[in-house]
């Protein structure tokens, strides 16, 4: 596998941008389908202290069933 370091840096910058925005301000999509996250889930997530990327990873793993 060939890895372009500039591409990796670009990905890291994009992830940092996603994490810098409050979760409730993100418009989440799975392909063409918008994912609406309930206010209760957003409130609970604020107290967990994990990143927006982790939220997306965990909820995607669960199929966004509880959002």
Foldseek 3Di string as FASTA:
>chain_A
DDDDVVVVVVVVVVQVVQQVDQLQPDFDDDVPRTQDDDPVVSVVVVVVPDTSVVVCVVCVVVVVPHD
